[in-house]
Amino acid sequence: KLAQGLWLMNWLSVLAGIIIFSLGLFLKIELRKRSDMMDNSESHFVPNSLIGMGVLSCVFNSLAGKICYDALDPAKYAKWKPWLKPYLAVCVLFNIVLFLVALCCFLLRGSLESTLAHGLKNGMKFYRDTDTPGRCFMKKTIDTLQIEFKCCGNNGFRDWF
């Protein structure tokens, strides 16, 4: 029963890893689309860490699912028995790293928001300056951003004045 429950939990963790990977990929794509509006101090740590932890979670929990599935068969259990204690130690270490990365992502959320806000503020300053190289698509990017998110400026329409 325990091995069956752990097997199911590991495969649910693989699905969670796929979701985390997908969220990281989505965030990375969205940040790339708006990279010309972001401040120079933009950080891709959050999406990169989500992508990395999602992949590690999928690989790690797939192996764990295999171990739990083999533990159901007494003939195969003997093969995995010497690996169980080191595997448990690696599991604990992986969960600590996963917790620390999640904490870092949560703490860096404010930094990412301020980078986007500062970049939008600078972008609004140069909204009509389409003759300068590197700023030719700024007007279209800001217009698309505000239409997509149904907003006007950082905090309201007064940001434009």
Protein backbone atom coordinates (compact mmCIF):
# COMPACT_ATOMS: atom_id res chain seq x y z
CA LYS A 1 0.00 0.00 0.00
CA LEU A 2 2.78 2.44 0.93
CA ALA A 3 4.66 1.83 -2.31
CA GLN A 4 1.45 2.31 -4.31
CA GLY A 5 0.71 5.58 -2.54
CA LEU A 6 4.26 6.83 -3.05
CA TRP A 7 4.14 5.78 -6.70
CA LEU A 8 0.97 7.82 -7.22
CA MET A 9 2.44 10.81 -5.34
CA ASN A 10 5.59 10.73 -7.46
CA TRP A 11 3.63 10.77 -10.70
CA LEU A 12 1.48 13.63 -9.41
CA SER A 13 4.76 15.41 -8.62
CA VAL A 14 5.87 14.81 -12.22
CA LEU A 15 2.67 16.55 -13.36
CA ALA A 16 3.40 19.41 -10.93
CA GLY A 17 6.92 19.64 -12.38
CA ILE A 18 5.45 19.90 -15.88
CA ILE A 19 3.19 22.72 -14.69
CA ILE A 20 6.11 24.54 -13.02
CA PHE A 21 8.18 24.13 -16.20
CA SER A 22 5.29 25.46 -18.29
CA LEU A 23 4.83 28.48 -16.02
CA GLY A 24 8.54 29.27 -16.22
CA LEU A 25 8.48 28.98 -20.00
CA PHE A 26 5.39 31.21 -20.22
CA LEU A 27 6.98 33.84 -17.95
CA LYS A 28 10.23 33.73 -19.95
CA ILE A 29 8.34 34.26 -23.23
CA GLU A 30 6.30 37.13 -21.77
CA LEU A 31 9.43 38.83 -20.43
CA ARG A 32 11.14 38.44 -23.81
CA LYS A 33 8.16 40.03 -25.56
CA ARG A 34 8.44 43.05 -23.29
CA SER A 35 12.24 43.17 -23.02
CA ASP A 36 12.51 46.48 -24.88
CA MET A 37 10.25 48.07 -22.25
CA MET A 38 12.09 46.69 -19.25
CA ASP A 39 14.80 48.46 -17.34
CA ASN A 40 18.39 47.32 -17.94
CA SER A 41 18.42 45.51 -14.61
CA GLU A 42 15.88 42.96 -15.79
CA SER A 43 16.15 39.60 -14.13
CA HIS A 44 15.48 36.24 -15.72
CA PHE A 45 16.32 34.38 -12.53
CA VAL A 46 12.66 33.70 -11.75
CA PRO A 47 11.69 32.06 -15.08
CA ASN A 48 15.03 30.26 -15.39
CA SER A 49 14.72 28.83 -11.89
CA LEU A 50 11.13 27.73 -12.55
CA ILE A 51 12.21 26.01 -15.76
CA GLY A 52 15.17 24.34 -14.05
CA MET A 53 13.23 23.16 -11.02
CA GLY A 54 10.40 21.91 -13.24
CA VAL A 55 12.81 19.78 -15.29
CA LEU A 56 14.61 18.51 -12.17
CA SER A 57 11.29 17.67 -10.54
CA CYS A 58 10.15 15.69 -13.58
CA VAL A 59 13.39 13.72 -13.82
CA PHE A 60 13.73 13.17 -10.09
CA ASN A 61 10.13 12.09 -9.52
CA SER A 62 10.12 9.85 -12.61
CA LEU A 63 13.05 7.95 -11.10
CA ALA A 64 11.24 7.84 -7.76
CA GLY A 65 8.14 6.47 -9.50
CA LYS A 66 10.27 3.72 -11.04
CA ILE A 67 11.76 2.86 -7.63
CA CYS A 68 8.31 2.71 -6.02
CA TYR A 69 6.93 0.61 -8.86
CA ASP A 70 9.82 -1.84 -8.54
CA ALA A 71 9.32 -1.96 -4.76
CA LEU A 72 5.94 -3.58 -5.42
CA ASP A 73 7.71 -6.63 -6.87
CA PRO A 74 9.69 -8.55 -4.20
CA ALA A 75 12.18 -9.82 -6.79
CA LYS A 76 13.10 -6.29 -7.93
CA TYR A 77 13.03 -4.79 -4.42
CA ALA A 78 16.38 -6.37 -3.51
CA LYS A 79 18.03 -4.52 -6.41
CA TRP A 80 16.87 -1.11 -5.11
CA LYS A 81 17.29 -1.71 -1.36
CA PRO A 82 20.91 -0.39 -1.10
CA TRP A 83 19.89 2.78 -2.94
CA LEU A 84 16.94 3.69 -0.70
CA LYS A 85 18.83 5.52 2.10
CA PRO A 86 20.99 7.64 -0.24
CA TYR A 87 17.90 8.31 -2.32
CA LEU A 88 16.03 9.50 0.78
CA ALA A 89 18.92 11.87 1.59
CA VAL A 90 18.84 13.23 -1.96
CA CYS A 91 15.05 13.67 -1.65
CA VAL A 92 15.45 15.75 1.49
CA LEU A 93 18.19 17.85 -0.14
CA PHE A 94 16.10 18.34 -3.28
CA ASN A 95 13.09 19.49 -1.25
CA ILE A 96 15.26 21.98 0.68
CA VAL A 97 16.62 23.39 -2.59
CA LEU A 98 13.09 23.50 -4.04
CA PHE A 99 11.88 25.43 -1.00
CA LEU A 100 14.79 27.90 -1.21
CA VAL A 101 14.23 28.50 -4.93
CA ALA A 102 10.51 29.05 -4.32
CA LEU A 103 11.36 31.52 -1.56
CA CYS A 104 13.80 33.37 -3.85
CA CYS A 105 11.19 33.54 -6.62
CA PHE A 106 8.66 34.95 -4.17
CA LEU A 107 11.12 37.52 -2.82
CA LEU A 108 12.24 38.61 -6.30
CA ARG A 109 8.66 39.24 -7.40
CA GLY A 110 8.85 42.84 -6.14
CA SER A 111 12.13 43.41 -7.96
CA LEU A 112 10.61 42.16 -11.19
CA GLU A 113 7.55 44.39 -10.74
CA SER A 114 9.71 47.45 -10.05
CA THR A 115 11.86 46.69 -13.10
CA LEU A 116 8.75 46.53 -15.27
CA ALA A 117 7.32 49.72 -13.72
CA HIS A 118 10.61 51.61 -14.16
CA GLY A 119 10.91 50.40 -17.75
CA LEU A 120 7.34 51.47 -18.54
CA LYS A 121 7.97 54.87 -16.96
CA ASN A 122 11.06 55.34 -19.14
CA GLY A 123 9.16 54.04 -22.15
CA MET A 124 6.41 56.61 -21.65
CA LYS A 125 9.04 59.38 -21.65
CA PHE A 126 10.21 58.32 -25.11
CA TYR A 127 6.77 57.33 -26.43
CA ARG A 128 6.85 59.69 -29.40
CA ASP A 129 10.59 59.48 -30.00
CA THR A 130 10.45 56.96 -32.85
CA ASP A 131 13.34 58.49 -34.82
CA THR A 132 16.03 57.35 -32.37
CA PRO A 133 17.49 53.92 -33.20
CA GLY A 134 16.38 51.29 -30.72
CA ARG A 135 13.15 53.08 -29.86
CA CYS A 136 11.27 52.65 -33.12
CA PHE A 137 8.97 49.94 -31.77
CA MET A 138 8.44 51.54 -28.33
CA LYS A 139 5.13 53.21 -29.29
CA LYS A 140 3.66 50.00 -30.69
CA THR A 141 4.89 47.96 -27.72
CA ILE A 142 3.37 50.35 -25.18
CA ASP A 143 0.09 50.53 -27.11
CA THR A 144 -0.11 46.74 -27.32
CA LEU A 145 0.74 46.37 -23.62
CA GLN A 146 -1.95 48.81 -22.53
CA ILE A 147 -4.59 47.32 -24.81
CA GLU A 148 -3.75 43.78 -23.68
CA PHE A 149 -3.85 44.59 -19.96
CA LYS A 150 -6.55 47.30 -20.23
CA CYS A 151 -4.43 49.84 -18.36
CA CYS A 152 -3.10 53.31 -18.83
CA GLY A 153 0.36 54.02 -17.41
CA ASN A 154 1.79 52.46 -14.25
CA ASN A 155 -0.72 53.77 -11.74
CA GLY A 156 -3.30 55.50 -13.94
CA PHE A 157 -3.70 57.95 -16.77
CA ARG A 158 -1.96 60.74 -14.80
CA ASP A 159 1.39 58.99 -15.41
CA TRP A 160 1.30 60.36 -18.94
CA PHE A 161 1.35 63.99 -17.77
